[in-house]
N, C-alpha and C. Protein backbone atom coordinates (compact mmCIF):
# COMPACT_ATOMS: atom_id res chain seq x y z
N MET A 1 11.28 18.88 49.71
CA MET A 1 11.76 17.57 49.33
C MET A 1 10.59 16.66 48.95
N LYS A 2 9.53 16.69 49.74
CA LYS A 2 8.33 15.88 49.43
C LYS A 2 7.72 16.33 48.12
N GLU A 3 7.73 17.63 47.87
CA GLU A 3 7.16 18.15 46.62
C GLU A 3 7.96 17.64 45.42
N GLU A 4 9.28 17.59 45.56
CA GLU A 4 10.13 17.06 44.48
C GLU A 4 9.84 15.58 44.25
N GLU A 5 9.65 14.82 45.32
CA GLU A 5 9.32 13.40 45.20
C GLU A 5 8.00 13.22 44.46
N LEU A 6 7.01 14.05 44.81
CA LEU A 6 5.70 13.96 44.15
C LEU A 6 5.81 14.32 42.67
N GLN A 7 6.60 15.34 42.37
CA GLN A 7 6.78 15.73 40.97
C GLN A 7 7.50 14.62 40.19
N ASP A 8 8.48 14.00 40.84
CA ASP A 8 9.20 12.90 40.20
C ASP A 8 8.26 11.71 39.95
N MET A 9 7.44 11.38 40.95
CA MET A 9 6.48 10.29 40.78
C MET A 9 5.48 10.60 39.67
N ASN A 10 5.03 11.84 39.62
CA ASN A 10 4.09 12.25 38.59
C ASN A 10 4.73 12.12 37.20
N ALA A 11 5.98 12.51 37.07
CA ALA A 11 6.69 12.39 35.79
C ALA A 11 6.82 10.92 35.39
N ARG A 12 7.15 10.05 36.35
CA ARG A 12 7.27 8.62 36.04
C ARG A 12 5.93 8.03 35.64
N ILE A 13 4.86 8.46 36.30
CA ILE A 13 3.51 7.98 35.95
C ILE A 13 3.17 8.39 34.52
N GLN A 14 3.46 9.63 34.18
CA GLN A 14 3.18 10.11 32.82
C GLN A 14 4.00 9.35 31.78
N GLN A 15 5.25 9.06 32.09
CA GLN A 15 6.09 8.29 31.17
C GLN A 15 5.54 6.88 31.01
N PHE A 16 5.11 6.28 32.10
CA PHE A 16 4.54 4.94 32.05
C PHE A 16 3.27 4.93 31.21
N GLN A 17 2.39 5.92 31.42
CA GLN A 17 1.15 6.00 30.65
C GLN A 17 1.44 6.18 29.17
N SER A 18 2.41 7.00 28.85
CA SER A 18 2.78 7.23 27.45
C SER A 18 3.30 5.94 26.81
N ALA A 19 4.16 5.23 27.53
CA ALA A 19 4.71 3.98 27.01
C ALA A 19 3.61 2.93 26.87
N ALA A 20 2.68 2.89 27.82
CA ALA A 20 1.57 1.93 27.75
C ALA A 20 0.68 2.22 26.54
N ARG A 21 0.38 3.50 26.30
CA ARG A 21 -0.43 3.87 25.13
C ARG A 21 0.25 3.44 23.84
N GLU A 22 1.55 3.66 23.76
CA GLU A 22 2.31 3.28 22.56
C GLU A 22 2.31 1.76 22.38
N ASN A 23 2.49 1.02 23.46
CA ASN A 23 2.46 -0.44 23.38
C ASN A 23 1.09 -0.95 22.95
N ILE A 24 0.04 -0.33 23.45
CA ILE A 24 -1.32 -0.72 23.06
C ILE A 24 -1.52 -0.46 21.58
N LYS A 25 -1.06 0.68 21.09
CA LYS A 25 -1.21 1.01 19.66
C LYS A 25 -0.46 0.00 18.79
N ILE A 26 0.76 -0.33 19.18
CA ILE A 26 1.56 -1.28 18.40
C ILE A 26 0.88 -2.66 18.39
N THR A 27 0.42 -3.10 19.55
CA THR A 27 -0.25 -4.40 19.65
C THR A 27 -1.54 -4.42 18.85
N ARG A 28 -2.34 -3.34 18.95
CA ARG A 28 -3.59 -3.25 18.19
C ARG A 28 -3.29 -3.32 16.69
N ASP A 29 -2.29 -2.58 16.24
CA ASP A 29 -1.93 -2.61 14.82
C ASP A 29 -1.51 -4.01 14.38
N GLU A 30 -0.74 -4.70 15.21
CA GLU A 30 -0.30 -6.05 14.88
C GLU A 30 -1.48 -7.02 14.81
N VAL A 31 -2.43 -6.87 15.72
CA VAL A 31 -3.58 -7.77 15.77
C VAL A 31 -4.53 -7.53 14.61
N PHE A 32 -4.80 -6.26 14.31
CA PHE A 32 -5.79 -5.95 13.28
C PHE A 32 -5.25 -5.98 11.86
N LYS A 33 -3.94 -5.90 11.68
CA LYS A 33 -3.37 -5.86 10.33
C LYS A 33 -3.81 -7.05 9.47
N PRO A 34 -3.73 -8.29 9.95
CA PRO A 34 -4.17 -9.41 9.11
C PRO A 34 -5.66 -9.33 8.73
N VAL A 35 -6.48 -8.86 9.64
CA VAL A 35 -7.91 -8.74 9.36
C VAL A 35 -8.15 -7.66 8.31
N ILE A 36 -7.50 -6.53 8.47
CA ILE A 36 -7.66 -5.43 7.51
C ILE A 36 -7.12 -5.84 6.14
N ASP A 37 -5.97 -6.51 6.12
CA ASP A 37 -5.40 -6.97 4.84
C ASP A 37 -6.35 -7.95 4.14
N LYS A 38 -6.95 -8.85 4.90
CA LYS A 38 -7.89 -9.82 4.33
C LYS A 38 -9.13 -9.12 3.76
N ALA A 39 -9.64 -8.12 4.48
CA ALA A 39 -10.80 -7.36 4.00
C ALA A 39 -10.45 -6.59 2.73
N LYS A 40 -9.28 -5.94 2.72
CA LYS A 40 -8.86 -5.19 1.52
C LYS A 40 -8.73 -6.11 0.31
N LYS A 41 -8.18 -7.30 0.52
CA LYS A 41 -8.03 -8.25 -0.58
C LYS A 41 -9.40 -8.68 -1.10
N ALA A 42 -10.34 -8.95 -0.19
CA ALA A 42 -11.68 -9.35 -0.60
C ALA A 42 -12.36 -8.24 -1.38
N ILE A 43 -12.21 -7.00 -0.94
CA ILE A 43 -12.79 -5.86 -1.65
C ILE A 43 -12.16 -5.74 -3.03
N SER A 44 -10.86 -5.88 -3.10
CA SER A 44 -10.16 -5.81 -4.39
C SER A 44 -10.62 -6.93 -5.32
N ASP A 45 -10.73 -8.14 -4.80
CA ASP A 45 -11.19 -9.27 -5.62
C ASP A 45 -12.60 -9.04 -6.15
N VAL A 46 -13.50 -8.55 -5.30
CA VAL A 46 -14.87 -8.27 -5.73
C VAL A 46 -14.87 -7.19 -6.81
N ALA A 47 -14.05 -6.16 -6.64
CA ALA A 47 -13.99 -5.09 -7.63
C ALA A 47 -13.51 -5.63 -8.98
N ILE A 48 -12.49 -6.46 -8.96
CA ILE A 48 -11.95 -7.03 -10.21
C ILE A 48 -12.95 -7.97 -10.86
N GLU A 49 -13.56 -8.84 -10.06
CA GLU A 49 -14.52 -9.82 -10.59
C GLU A 49 -15.75 -9.16 -11.21
N ASN A 50 -16.12 -7.98 -10.70
CA ASN A 50 -17.32 -7.30 -11.19
C ASN A 50 -17.02 -6.10 -12.06
N ASN A 51 -15.75 -5.94 -12.45
CA ASN A 51 -15.31 -4.85 -13.32
C ASN A 51 -15.71 -3.47 -12.79
N PHE A 52 -15.57 -3.27 -11.47
CA PHE A 52 -15.85 -1.96 -10.88
C PHE A 52 -14.65 -1.06 -11.09
N ALA A 53 -14.90 0.18 -11.48
CA ALA A 53 -13.81 1.14 -11.66
C ALA A 53 -13.44 1.80 -10.34
N TYR A 54 -14.43 2.00 -9.47
CA TYR A 54 -14.20 2.67 -8.19
C TYR A 54 -14.98 1.98 -7.08
N ILE A 55 -14.39 1.98 -5.90
CA ILE A 55 -15.06 1.54 -4.68
C ILE A 55 -14.90 2.69 -3.69
N PHE A 56 -16.00 3.21 -3.18
CA PHE A 56 -15.95 4.32 -2.23
C PHE A 56 -16.25 3.83 -0.83
N ASP A 57 -15.49 4.31 0.13
CA ASP A 57 -15.73 4.01 1.54
C ASP A 57 -16.59 5.15 2.10
N LEU A 58 -17.86 4.85 2.35
CA LEU A 58 -18.77 5.86 2.85
C LEU A 58 -19.03 5.70 4.35
N SER A 59 -18.12 5.05 5.05
CA SER A 59 -18.32 4.79 6.47
C SER A 59 -18.35 6.05 7.31
N ASN A 60 -17.81 7.15 6.79
CA ASN A 60 -17.84 8.39 7.56
C ASN A 60 -19.21 9.07 7.48
N GLY A 61 -20.12 8.51 6.67
CA GLY A 61 -21.48 9.04 6.59
C GLY A 61 -21.64 10.25 5.70
N PHE A 62 -20.58 10.67 5.03
CA PHE A 62 -20.63 11.85 4.19
C PHE A 62 -20.90 11.46 2.74
N VAL A 63 -22.12 11.70 2.29
CA VAL A 63 -22.52 11.35 0.93
C VAL A 63 -23.01 12.63 0.25
N ILE A 64 -22.37 12.99 -0.86
CA ILE A 64 -22.79 14.18 -1.60
C ILE A 64 -23.96 13.85 -2.52
N PHE A 65 -23.88 12.71 -3.19
CA PHE A 65 -24.91 12.33 -4.14
C PHE A 65 -25.07 10.82 -4.08
N TYR A 66 -26.29 10.37 -4.14
CA TYR A 66 -26.57 8.93 -4.12
C TYR A 66 -27.49 8.60 -5.28
N ASP A 67 -27.01 7.77 -6.20
CA ASP A 67 -27.80 7.35 -7.35
C ASP A 67 -28.43 6.00 -7.03
N GLU A 68 -29.67 5.79 -7.41
CA GLU A 68 -30.37 4.54 -7.14
C GLU A 68 -29.70 3.34 -7.79
N SER A 69 -28.91 3.56 -8.84
CA SER A 69 -28.24 2.45 -9.51
C SER A 69 -26.93 2.06 -8.81
N THR A 70 -26.60 2.72 -7.72
CA THR A 70 -25.39 2.40 -6.97
C THR A 70 -25.47 0.99 -6.41
N ILE A 71 -24.33 0.30 -6.43
CA ILE A 71 -24.28 -1.07 -5.94
C ILE A 71 -23.55 -1.10 -4.60
N ASP A 72 -24.20 -1.69 -3.62
CA ASP A 72 -23.57 -1.90 -2.31
C ASP A 72 -22.82 -3.23 -2.39
N ILE A 73 -21.50 -3.19 -2.30
CA ILE A 73 -20.71 -4.41 -2.46
C ILE A 73 -20.56 -5.19 -1.16
N LEU A 74 -21.09 -4.67 -0.06
CA LEU A 74 -20.92 -5.36 1.22
C LEU A 74 -21.39 -6.82 1.17
N PRO A 75 -22.56 -7.11 0.60
CA PRO A 75 -22.95 -8.52 0.53
C PRO A 75 -21.97 -9.38 -0.28
N LEU A 76 -21.41 -8.82 -1.34
CA LEU A 76 -20.44 -9.56 -2.16
C LEU A 76 -19.14 -9.81 -1.39
N VAL A 77 -18.69 -8.79 -0.64
CA VAL A 77 -17.47 -8.93 0.14
C VAL A 77 -17.68 -9.93 1.29
N LYS A 78 -18.85 -9.87 1.93
CA LYS A 78 -19.15 -10.82 3.00
C LYS A 78 -19.15 -12.26 2.46
N LYS A 79 -19.71 -12.43 1.27
CA LYS A 79 -19.72 -13.75 0.66
C LYS A 79 -18.30 -14.21 0.38
N LYS A 80 -17.48 -13.31 -0.15
CA LYS A 80 -16.09 -13.64 -0.46
C LYS A 80 -15.32 -14.04 0.81
N LEU A 81 -15.65 -13.40 1.94
CA LEU A 81 -14.99 -13.70 3.21
C LEU A 81 -15.63 -14.88 3.95
N GLY A 82 -16.75 -15.36 3.44
CA GLY A 82 -17.44 -16.47 4.09
C GLY A 82 -18.27 -16.01 5.28
N ILE A 83 -18.67 -14.75 5.30
CA ILE A 83 -19.50 -14.19 6.36
C ILE A 83 -20.91 -14.02 5.81
N TYR A 84 -21.89 -14.60 6.49
CA TYR A 84 -23.25 -14.49 5.96
C TYR A 84 -24.17 -13.78 6.92
């Protein structure tokens, strides 16, 4: 009987942890969405204003080829967002 109680408590704990993780994910998405949307708009505006055909996200650190004439748009995006 005690073993069944422990198993039941363990199952409830796991359900609680799963629900908490899901709530954290939903809240995080809600909080960060406006920030991400604002950054995407600033990147898009900079691309349009400077007639860029492509913008690559190299945040994963994977670069196959790097040309010296490449333009880092981060300073332009920071300026657009008012971040210096």
